[in-house]
Amino acid sequence: MAFVLVGTAGAAYLYLKHLEGNVTTEDVGSVADDGFSKDGAFNILIIGTDKRTGAGNEGYGDKGSVGHADTTILLHVSKDRTNATAMSIPRDLVIDVPDCQASDGSTIPGTQDVRFNTSLGQDGRDPGCTMKTVEELTGVDVNHFVMADFNAVKTLTTAVGGVKVCLTKAVNDKESKLKLPAGESTIAGEQALAFVRTRHSFGNRGDLDRIKVQQQFLGSLMRSMTSGDTLTNPTKLIKLANAATKALTVDKGIGKASTLKDLALELKKVPTKNITFLTTPVGDNPADGAVKKTVIVDEAHAPQVFTMIKNDVSFTEVKAKEKKEKAAVAARLKGTKSAADEVRVQILNGGAPAGSAQEELTYLQTEAGVRKSDNAGNAEKTLAKTTLEYAPDQADQARRLAAIMGLSGSAMKPGKSVTNSQGLPTMTLTLGEDFKGAGVKMNSSSAATPDVRKTTADQAQCAS
């Protein structure tokens, strides 16, 4: 929700100086970056709090909530702005909350094996604590946070003229007060809030299915805002920007008008077809017994998801930008390619994380069909860039491996072959510090993604 709010405010940058007074800022110290850089990838933690402040929100359940992290999305925007990933983090995910610093400088002790949503509000924890919790969970450096409350949903959907949603069956939820027919409807205000809060009418009536519905809602809201004249009509835009900024709380690093403008304009560069929504891979918590109430991290799939976000790898196929290389270097990629099972290569680790050579070997043998490959251990020196050295008569093999790995012409080094353990000539692939993970193309255009459910913002879906 806040992702769209920030983008809206940025679209009205000529009016931002006036709007700046609407935005609430919170100082979370050094946890958040000081300012915003337009030159690299960035990560924003979007937090939807369940605090019942604001007119009309007193009647909702749990009215005494201190404001937990009820809906949380880690938004990663790629360095080249071709893609973005919005990963939802379930509120009922069991994690460890680290020690955090309170506003008065004291330390709030961490807690182990607790719900993720307690990283905010509980014991006086601020959004900075939620940022630290996410960093420890994922290994991703979180640069800033944006926080929104119930009024954000109500005011923004009203200002935009409503959001189209679709249901596979009629809903009449007495708890959330959502009542909609099957098929397509346009919702705003209280009805929109009921839609994103409803749990008991979708899927297995749990939070994971509510997350799917919220992601569908966000995609629809983004399409509504980028279609028609919403962002070009001054009257609509000013109304929308006022509603958006009044609903936001951000860290001081992005609280200035000029900074908010810069951030939002960078967000607008990402095509909706390349904005991926997914959820942190999780499984049932065995400690719950027969009645499942919480979830735990799926160690089989989550680490690769976290690594892809950390290494700025897209979850959608993005047309890679070709690097400008001299004709002679670029020509190394042109020509016939051997079959994958004819490629013979030894792999060295020359600066990649420990274990990378074996992981890449496993990927090449089991997924890419390069079965004549060996792990040759560590290289004699560290390399900044991954290289592939080959003899002239191995050029066909080199081009096939380059295509599999997304290597550039400059990464291909004509030279000589070496002899492998079977006494046969083989190429040498040395993984440098730029290596992004097994199965991940070096040009970052895509990767062999894990088996996780994902959608993109341009897809219209019906909630069920």
Protein backbone atom coordinates (compact mmCIF):
# COMPACT_ATOMS: atom_id res chain seq x y z
CA MET A 1 0.00 0.00 0.00
CA ALA A 2 2.70 2.45 0.99
CA PHE A 3 4.65 1.65 -2.23
CA VAL A 4 1.76 3.12 -4.20
CA LEU A 5 1.40 6.02 -1.77
CA VAL A 6 5.03 7.03 -2.18
CA GLY A 7 4.75 6.81 -5.95
CA THR A 8 1.69 9.02 -5.89
CA ALA A 9 3.38 11.68 -3.81
CA GLY A 10 6.38 11.64 -6.13
CA ALA A 11 4.23 12.08 -9.21
CA ALA A 12 3.14 15.44 -7.80
CA TYR A 13 6.66 16.65 -7.08
CA LEU A 14 5.90 20.24 -8.06
CA TYR A 15 3.45 20.29 -5.18
CA LEU A 16 5.66 18.37 -2.76
CA LYS A 17 6.91 21.29 -0.74
CA HIS A 18 3.36 21.92 0.36
CA LEU A 19 2.75 18.21 0.89
CA GLU A 20 5.87 17.75 2.98
CA GLY A 21 4.04 19.07 6.02
CA ASN A 22 1.59 16.18 5.73
CA VAL A 23 4.22 13.46 6.10
CA THR A 24 5.09 12.19 9.55
CA THR A 25 8.73 11.22 10.09
CA GLU A 26 10.20 8.95 12.74
CA ASP A 27 13.85 8.83 13.74
CA VAL A 28 15.11 5.24 13.87
CA GLY A 29 18.76 6.23 14.09
CA SER A 30 21.42 4.56 12.00
CA VAL A 31 19.15 1.63 11.09
CA ALA A 32 17.88 3.70 8.15
CA ASP A 33 20.14 5.35 5.59
CA ASP A 34 20.78 9.07 5.72
CA GLY A 35 19.21 10.21 2.45
CA PHE A 36 18.53 8.32 -0.75
CA SER A 37 20.89 7.35 -3.57
CA LYS A 38 19.57 7.18 -7.13
CA ASP A 39 22.60 5.23 -8.34
CA GLY A 40 22.02 1.77 -6.92
CA ALA A 41 19.43 -0.83 -6.00
CA PHE A 42 17.41 -0.02 -2.88
CA ASN A 43 15.20 -1.81 -0.37
CA ILE A 44 12.22 -0.29 1.41
CA LEU A 45 10.28 -2.00 4.18
CA ILE A 46 6.58 -1.28 3.81
CA ILE A 47 4.69 -1.73 7.06
CA GLY A 48 0.93 -1.77 7.46
CA THR A 49 0.20 -1.36 11.16
CA ASP A 50 -2.98 -2.59 12.85
CA LYS A 51 -3.14 0.37 15.25
CA ARG A 52 -6.75 1.57 15.43
CA THR A 53 -6.00 5.31 15.38
CA GLY A 54 -7.98 7.71 13.21
CA ALA A 55 -11.63 8.48 12.74
CA GLY A 56 -13.87 5.49 12.15
CA ASN A 57 -11.34 2.84 13.21
CA GLU A 58 -12.37 2.45 16.85
CA GLY A 59 -14.90 -0.29 16.15
CA TYR A 60 -12.52 -2.81 14.66
CA GLY A 61 -11.45 -5.84 16.69
CA ASP A 62 -8.34 -5.69 18.88
CA LYS A 63 -8.95 -1.98 19.43
CA GLY A 64 -6.24 -1.89 22.10
CA SER A 65 -3.44 -2.93 19.73
CA VAL A 66 -0.18 -1.02 20.20
CA GLY A 67 0.33 -1.18 16.46
CA HIS A 68 1.94 -4.43 15.39
CA ALA A 69 3.42 -5.17 11.95
CA ASP A 70 0.20 -6.63 10.57
CA THR A 71 1.14 -6.41 6.88
CA THR A 72 4.80 -6.20 5.88
CA ILE A 73 6.39 -6.12 2.43
CA LEU A 74 10.09 -5.93 1.61
CA LEU A 75 10.27 -3.97 -1.65
CA HIS A 76 13.48 -4.38 -3.66
CA VAL A 77 14.00 -2.11 -6.69
CA SER A 78 16.76 -3.19 -9.07
CA LYS A 79 19.80 -1.07 -9.83
CA ASP A 80 18.86 -0.74 -13.50
CA ARG A 81 15.16 -0.12 -12.67
CA THR A 82 14.02 -2.88 -15.02
CA ASN A 83 12.33 -4.85 -12.26
CA ALA A 84 11.22 -4.91 -8.62
CA THR A 85 10.29 -7.59 -6.10
CA ALA A 86 7.70 -7.14 -3.37
CA MET A 87 8.06 -9.96 -0.85
CA SER A 88 5.36 -10.27 1.80
CA ILE A 89 6.44 -11.44 5.26
CA PRO A 90 3.68 -13.29 7.15
CA ARG A 91 2.77 -11.72 10.48
CA ASP A 92 2.54 -15.20 12.06
CA LEU A 93 6.06 -16.22 10.99
CA VAL A 94 7.99 -17.45 14.05
CA ILE A 95 11.37 -15.69 14.21
CA ASP A 96 13.84 -14.16 16.66
CA VAL A 97 13.50 -10.42 17.25
CA PRO A 98 16.95 -8.91 17.95
CA ASP A 99 17.84 -6.35 20.61
CA CYS A 100 16.61 -2.91 19.52
CA GLN A 101 17.25 0.64 20.61
CA ALA A 102 14.39 2.64 22.09
CA SER A 103 13.85 6.33 21.37
CA ASP A 104 15.42 7.25 24.72
CA GLY A 105 18.59 5.33 23.85
CA SER A 106 17.90 2.34 26.08
CA THR A 107 17.98 -1.24 24.81
CA ILE A 108 14.82 -3.25 24.28
CA PRO A 109 15.79 -6.92 24.82
CA GLY A 110 15.23 -9.29 21.94
CA THR A 111 12.87 -12.26 22.11
CA GLN A 112 13.16 -15.72 20.60
CA ASP A 113 10.59 -17.83 18.80
CA VAL A 114 7.89 -15.18 18.59
CA ARG A 115 5.55 -13.95 15.87
CA PHE A 116 7.10 -11.55 13.37
CA ASN A 117 4.38 -8.94 13.96
CA THR A 118 5.71 -8.34 17.50
CA SER A 119 8.82 -6.72 15.98
CA LEU A 120 6.76 -3.50 15.97
CA GLY A 121 4.86 -1.99 18.88
CA GLN A 122 5.57 -4.76 21.38
CA ASP A 123 7.61 -3.45 24.35
CA GLY A 124 7.91 -0.06 22.62
CA ARG A 125 9.62 -1.33 19.46
CA ASP A 126 9.70 1.14 16.56
CA PRO A 127 9.92 0.52 12.78
CA GLY A 128 13.71 0.44 13.09
CA CYS A 129 13.35 -2.77 15.09
CA THR A 130 11.23 -4.30 12.34
CA MET A 131 13.93 -3.29 9.85
CA LYS A 132 16.61 -5.02 11.95
CA THR A 133 14.44 -8.12 12.28
CA VAL A 134 14.01 -8.34 8.51
CA GLU A 135 17.74 -7.84 7.95
CA GLU A 136 18.59 -10.71 10.28
CA LEU A 137 15.91 -12.91 8.74
CA THR A 138 16.86 -12.32 5.09
CA GLY A 139 20.43 -10.99 5.03
CA VAL A 140 19.15 -8.08 2.93
CA ASP A 141 20.20 -4.54 3.89
CA VAL A 142 17.00 -2.50 4.39
CA ASN A 143 17.54 1.16 3.50
CA HIS A 144 14.28 2.83 4.55
CA PHE A 145 10.78 2.19 5.86
CA VAL A 146 7.33 3.50 4.98
CA MET A 147 4.47 2.88 7.39
CA ALA A 148 0.74 3.25 6.80
CA ASP A 149 -2.37 2.68 8.94
CA PHE A 150 -6.00 1.78 8.23
CA ASN A 151 -6.78 5.30 6.99
CA ALA A 152 -4.24 4.89 4.18
CA VAL A 153 -6.40 2.24 2.53
CA LYS A 154 -9.61 4.20 2.98
CA THR A 155 -8.42 7.62 1.89
CA LEU A 156 -6.29 6.57 -1.06
CA THR A 157 -8.85 4.24 -2.63
CA THR A 158 -11.44 7.00 -2.32
CA ALA A 159 -9.11 9.57 -3.85
CA VAL A 160 -8.27 7.35 -6.81
CA GLY A 161 -11.95 6.75 -7.52
CA GLY A 162 -12.07 3.13 -6.38
CA VAL A 163 -10.16 -0.05 -7.14
CA LYS A 164 -11.44 -2.93 -9.26
CA VAL A 165 -11.41 -6.33 -7.58
CA CYS A 166 -12.71 -9.70 -8.67
CA LEU A 167 -14.20 -12.58 -6.64
CA THR A 168 -14.83 -16.15 -7.78
CA LYS A 169 -17.75 -16.35 -5.34
CA ALA A 170 -19.92 -13.93 -3.36
CA VAL A 171 -18.63 -12.87 0.08
CA ASN A 172 -20.64 -11.87 3.14
CA ASP A 173 -18.13 -11.69 6.00
CA LYS A 174 -19.74 -10.64 9.30
CA GLU A 175 -16.39 -10.06 11.00
CA SER A 176 -14.82 -7.69 8.46
CA LYS A 177 -18.20 -6.41 7.22
CA LEU A 178 -17.22 -7.21 3.61
CA LYS A 179 -20.19 -7.92 1.37
CA LEU A 180 -19.53 -8.28 -2.36
CA PRO A 181 -21.08 -10.29 -5.22
CA ALA A 182 -19.18 -12.76 -7.37
CA GLY A 183 -17.39 -11.21 -10.31
CA GLU A 184 -15.92 -7.73 -10.64
CA SER A 185 -16.62 -4.83 -8.26
CA THR A 186 -15.14 -1.38 -7.65
CA ILE A 187 -14.42 -0.71 -3.98
CA ALA A 188 -13.21 2.26 -1.96
CA GLY A 189 -13.08 3.57 1.60
CA GLU A 190 -14.44 1.28 4.32
CA GLN A 191 -15.25 -1.41 1.77
CA ALA A 192 -11.65 -1.43 0.50
CA LEU A 193 -10.32 -1.72 4.06
CA ALA A 194 -12.70 -4.62 4.72
CA PHE A 195 -11.42 -6.32 1.56
CA VAL A 196 -7.75 -6.28 2.59
CA ARG A 197 -8.55 -7.19 6.22
CA THR A 198 -10.79 -10.18 5.43
CA ARG A 199 -9.33 -13.58 6.32
CA HIS A 200 -12.37 -15.81 6.83
CA SER A 201 -13.71 -15.68 3.26
CA PHE A 202 -10.69 -16.72 1.22
CA GLY A 203 -8.70 -19.94 0.86
CA ASN A 204 -8.15 -21.73 4.14
CA ARG A 205 -9.26 -18.69 6.17
CA GLY A 206 -5.69 -17.91 7.24
CA ASP A 207 -3.21 -15.06 6.92
CA LEU A 208 -1.31 -16.61 3.99
CA ASP A 209 -4.41 -16.52 1.80
CA ARG A 210 -5.16 -12.98 2.96
CA ILE A 211 -1.68 -12.02 1.75
CA LYS A 212 -2.52 -13.34 -1.73
CA VAL A 213 -5.66 -11.21 -1.80
CA GLN A 214 -3.75 -8.14 -0.62
CA GLN A 215 -1.19 -8.64 -3.39
CA GLN A 216 -3.99 -8.86 -5.97
CA PHE A 217 -5.48 -5.68 -4.53
CA LEU A 218 -2.15 -3.84 -4.74
CA GLY A 219 -1.64 -4.87 -8.34
CA SER A 220 -5.12 -3.62 -9.23
CA LEU A 221 -4.52 -0.33 -7.38
CA MET A 222 -1.26 0.18 -9.27
CA ARG A 223 -2.98 -0.47 -12.61
CA SER A 224 -5.76 1.95 -11.68
CA MET A 225 -3.28 4.68 -10.87
CA THR A 226 -1.20 4.28 -14.02
CA SER A 227 -4.14 4.05 -16.41
CA GLY A 228 -6.34 6.91 -17.56
CA ASP A 229 -5.59 10.48 -16.51
CA THR A 230 -5.04 9.92 -12.77
CA LEU A 231 -1.40 10.98 -12.85
CA THR A 232 -1.82 13.72 -15.48
CA ASN A 233 -4.97 15.46 -14.28
CA PRO A 234 -3.81 18.20 -11.82
CA THR A 235 -7.05 18.19 -9.81
CA LYS A 236 -7.05 14.42 -9.34
CA LEU A 237 -3.35 14.36 -8.67
CA ILE A 238 -3.43 17.00 -5.94
CA LYS A 239 -6.34 15.27 -4.24
CA LEU A 240 -4.54 11.94 -4.45
CA ALA A 241 -1.22 13.32 -3.23
CA ASN A 242 -2.85 14.99 -0.24
CA ALA A 243 -4.54 11.74 0.74
CA ALA A 244 -1.33 9.78 0.27
CA THR A 245 1.01 11.97 2.26
CA LYS A 246 -1.37 12.34 5.20
CA ALA A 247 -1.40 8.56 5.58
CA LEU A 248 2.38 8.07 5.65
CA THR A 249 5.05 7.76 8.30
CA VAL A 250 8.61 7.48 6.95
CA ASP A 251 12.15 7.56 8.33
CA LYS A 252 13.96 10.89 8.39
CA GLY A 253 16.23 9.81 5.55
CA ILE A 254 13.39 10.12 3.02
CA GLY A 255 11.21 12.66 4.82
CA LYS A 256 12.27 15.69 2.76
CA ALA A 257 10.32 16.79 -0.30
CA SER A 258 13.26 16.51 -2.67
CA THR A 259 14.23 13.06 -1.39
CA LEU A 260 10.68 11.74 -1.56
CA LYS A 261 10.43 13.05 -5.11
CA ASP A 262 13.66 11.35 -6.18
CA LEU A 263 12.67 8.03 -4.65
CA ALA A 264 9.22 8.07 -6.22
CA LEU A 265 10.47 8.96 -9.68
CA GLU A 266 12.85 5.99 -9.51
CA LEU A 267 9.93 3.73 -8.56
CA LYS A 268 7.94 4.95 -11.55
CA LYS A 269 10.61 3.68 -13.97
CA VAL A 270 9.81 0.03 -13.18
CA PRO A 271 7.29 -1.58 -15.61
CA THR A 272 4.33 -3.22 -13.85
CA LYS A 273 4.94 -6.44 -15.81
CA ASN A 274 8.30 -6.76 -14.05
CA ILE A 275 7.05 -6.07 -10.51
CA THR A 276 6.87 -9.48 -8.84
CA PHE A 277 4.69 -10.18 -5.79
CA LEU A 278 5.67 -13.21 -3.73
CA THR A 279 5.56 -14.41 -0.13
CA THR A 280 8.44 -15.56 2.05
CA PRO A 281 8.53 -19.37 1.61
CA VAL A 282 7.17 -20.89 4.81
CA GLY A 283 5.79 -24.14 6.21
CA ASP A 284 3.55 -25.14 9.10
CA ASN A 285 5.13 -24.84 12.53
CA PRO A 286 5.38 -28.38 13.97
CA ALA A 287 5.39 -26.91 17.49
CA ASP A 288 1.73 -25.92 17.04
CA GLY A 289 0.50 -29.50 17.10
CA ALA A 290 -2.76 -30.35 15.37
CA VAL A 291 -4.11 -26.79 15.25
CA LYS A 292 -1.86 -24.72 12.98
CA LYS A 293 -1.51 -21.11 14.08
CA THR A 294 1.99 -20.07 13.03
CA VAL A 295 4.53 -20.78 10.29
CA ILE A 296 8.31 -21.18 10.07
CA VAL A 297 10.81 -20.41 7.31
CA ASP A 298 11.01 -23.04 4.56
CA GLU A 299 14.74 -23.71 4.59
CA ALA A 300 14.55 -25.55 1.26
CA HIS A 301 13.35 -22.53 -0.71
CA ALA A 302 13.63 -19.33 1.33
CA PRO A 303 17.45 -18.98 1.24
CA GLN A 304 17.51 -18.76 -2.57
CA VAL A 305 14.72 -16.19 -2.55
CA PHE A 306 16.62 -14.08 -0.02
CA THR A 307 19.87 -14.46 -1.99
CA MET A 308 18.22 -13.38 -5.24
CA ILE A 309 16.87 -10.22 -3.61
CA LYS A 310 20.21 -9.51 -1.95
CA ASN A 311 22.08 -9.98 -5.24
CA ASP A 312 19.65 -7.85 -7.28
CA VAL A 313 18.36 -10.71 -9.42
CA SER A 314 14.97 -10.43 -11.10
CA PHE A 315 12.16 -12.98 -10.59
CA THR A 316 10.82 -12.11 -14.06
CA GLU A 317 12.46 -12.42 -17.47
CA VAL A 318 13.91 -9.01 -18.21
CA LYS A 319 15.58 -8.15 -21.48
CA ALA A 320 19.18 -7.68 -20.51
CA LYS A 321 20.89 -4.48 -21.53
CA GLU A 322 23.77 -5.36 -23.79
CA LYS A 323 27.04 -3.91 -22.67
CA LYS A 324 28.92 -1.83 -25.19
CA GLU A 325 31.96 -3.91 -25.97
CA LYS A 326 34.52 -3.63 -28.68
CA ALA A 327 33.57 -5.59 -31.77
CA ALA A 328 36.40 -8.09 -31.31
CA VAL A 329 35.30 -8.84 -27.73
CA ALA A 330 31.59 -9.05 -28.57
CA ALA A 331 32.41 -11.40 -31.45
CA ARG A 332 33.49 -14.07 -28.98
CA LEU A 333 29.81 -14.76 -28.30
CA LYS A 334 28.93 -15.17 -31.99
CA GLY A 335 29.13 -18.49 -33.76
CA THR A 336 28.04 -22.08 -33.34
CA LYS A 337 27.52 -23.61 -29.92
CA SER A 338 28.23 -27.12 -28.77
CA ALA A 339 25.54 -29.20 -27.12
CA ALA A 340 25.56 -28.86 -23.34
CA ASP A 341 26.67 -32.47 -22.86
CA GLU A 342 29.75 -31.79 -25.00
CA VAL A 343 30.98 -28.96 -22.77
CA ARG A 344 33.97 -29.90 -20.63
CA VAL A 345 34.89 -27.42 -17.86
CA GLN A 346 36.60 -27.27 -14.48
CA ILE A 347 35.33 -24.77 -11.92
CA LEU A 348 37.49 -22.73 -9.55
CA ASN A 349 36.38 -20.40 -6.76
CA GLY A 350 38.21 -17.12 -7.24
CA GLY A 351 36.39 -14.84 -4.85
CA ALA A 352 32.79 -16.08 -4.73
CA PRO A 353 31.24 -17.11 -1.39
CA ALA A 354 32.49 -20.38 0.08
CA GLY A 355 30.88 -23.43 -1.52
CA SER A 356 29.98 -21.60 -4.75
CA ALA A 357 32.08 -23.83 -7.01
CA GLN A 358 30.31 -26.97 -5.80
CA GLU A 359 26.89 -25.31 -5.98
CA GLU A 360 27.49 -24.15 -9.55
CA LEU A 361 28.83 -27.59 -10.47
CA THR A 362 25.66 -29.20 -9.13
CA TYR A 363 23.51 -26.76 -11.09
CA LEU A 364 25.41 -27.30 -14.34
CA GLN A 365 25.28 -31.09 -14.04
CA THR A 366 21.68 -31.52 -12.85
CA GLU A 367 19.88 -28.55 -14.43
CA ALA A 368 21.91 -27.35 -17.42
CA GLY A 369 23.11 -30.67 -18.83
CA VAL A 370 26.83 -29.86 -18.52
CA ARG A 371 27.79 -33.24 -17.10
CA LYS A 372 31.48 -33.16 -18.02
CA SER A 373 32.36 -30.70 -15.29
CA ASP A 374 34.54 -30.82 -12.19
CA ASN A 375 35.14 -28.83 -9.02
CA ALA A 376 38.83 -27.87 -9.04
CA GLY A 377 38.84 -26.05 -5.70
CA ASN A 378 40.11 -22.53 -5.07
CA ALA A 379 41.91 -20.33 -7.56
CA GLU A 380 45.40 -19.01 -6.83
CA LYS A 381 44.14 -15.43 -6.63
CA THR A 382 40.92 -13.48 -6.14
CA LEU A 383 39.19 -12.09 -9.23
CA ALA A 384 36.68 -9.25 -9.29
CA LYS A 385 34.99 -10.68 -12.39
CA THR A 386 34.10 -14.24 -13.37
CA THR A 387 36.12 -15.53 -16.33
CA LEU A 388 36.06 -18.48 -18.72
CA GLU A 389 39.40 -19.44 -20.29
CA TYR A 390 39.41 -21.76 -23.30
CA ALA A 391 41.57 -22.90 -26.21
CA PRO A 392 40.67 -21.91 -29.82
CA ASP A 393 39.26 -25.36 -30.59
CA GLN A 394 36.96 -25.05 -27.54
CA ALA A 395 35.20 -21.88 -28.73
CA ASP A 396 31.96 -23.75 -29.48
CA GLN A 397 31.92 -25.14 -25.95
CA ALA A 398 32.72 -21.70 -24.50
CA ARG A 399 29.82 -20.07 -26.32
CA ARG A 400 27.40 -22.69 -25.00
CA LEU A 401 28.55 -22.20 -21.42
CA ALA A 402 28.45 -18.41 -21.87
CA ALA A 403 24.82 -18.66 -23.00
CA ILE A 404 23.91 -20.86 -20.02
CA MET A 405 25.58 -18.52 -17.53
CA GLY A 406 24.86 -15.14 -19.13
CA LEU A 407 28.56 -14.35 -19.56
CA SER A 408 29.66 -11.29 -21.52
CA GLY A 409 32.26 -11.31 -24.28
CA SER A 410 34.77 -9.71 -21.93
CA ALA A 411 34.37 -12.62 -19.49
CA MET A 412 35.53 -15.05 -22.19
CA LYS A 413 39.31 -15.34 -22.28
CA PRO A 414 40.84 -17.10 -25.31
CA GLY A 415 43.96 -18.87 -24.13
CA LYS A 416 44.79 -22.48 -23.48
CA SER A 417 43.06 -25.48 -22.06
CA VAL A 418 44.16 -27.53 -19.08
CA THR A 419 43.98 -31.25 -18.38
CA ASN A 420 41.32 -32.61 -16.06
CA SER A 421 41.55 -35.63 -13.74
CA GLN A 422 40.75 -37.95 -16.66
CA GLY A 423 43.61 -36.53 -18.71
CA LEU A 424 41.24 -34.73 -21.11
CA PRO A 425 41.45 -31.09 -22.26
CA THR A 426 39.05 -28.83 -20.39
CA MET A 427 38.12 -25.15 -20.08
CA THR A 428 38.54 -23.24 -16.83
CA LEU A 429 35.66 -21.31 -15.28
CA THR A 430 36.79 -19.09 -12.39
CA LEU A 431 33.99 -17.67 -10.23
CA GLY A 432 34.83 -14.10 -9.23
CA GLU A 433 33.46 -11.75 -6.61
CA ASP A 434 30.62 -10.83 -9.01
CA PHE A 435 29.22 -14.39 -8.94
CA LYS A 436 25.55 -14.16 -7.92
CA GLY A 437 24.69 -17.74 -7.10
CA ALA A 438 24.20 -21.13 -8.71
CA GLY A 439 21.87 -20.95 -11.70
CA VAL A 440 21.78 -17.15 -11.68
CA LYS A 441 22.76 -15.57 -14.97
CA MET A 442 25.68 -13.20 -14.68
CA ASN A 443 23.78 -10.47 -16.53
CA SER A 444 21.06 -10.65 -13.82
CA SER A 445 18.32 -10.88 -16.42
CA SER A 446 16.78 -13.89 -14.70
CA ALA A 447 17.56 -16.97 -12.67
CA ALA A 448 16.53 -20.53 -12.15
CA THR A 449 13.94 -19.40 -9.59
CA PRO A 450 12.84 -21.61 -6.70
CA ASP A 451 9.46 -23.26 -6.67
CA VAL A 452 7.48 -20.41 -5.10
CA ARG A 453 4.14 -18.88 -5.99
CA LYS A 454 4.55 -15.47 -7.61
CA THR A 455 2.50 -12.99 -9.61
CA THR A 456 3.24 -9.72 -11.37
CA ALA A 457 1.51 -6.37 -11.01
CA ASP A 458 0.12 -6.41 -14.55
CA GLN A 459 -1.92 -9.57 -13.95
CA ALA A 460 -5.61 -9.22 -13.12
CA GLN A 461 -6.79 -12.11 -10.92
CA CYS A 462 -9.91 -13.14 -9.02
CA ALA A 463 -9.74 -13.84 -5.29
CA SER A 464 -11.09 -17.22 -4.23
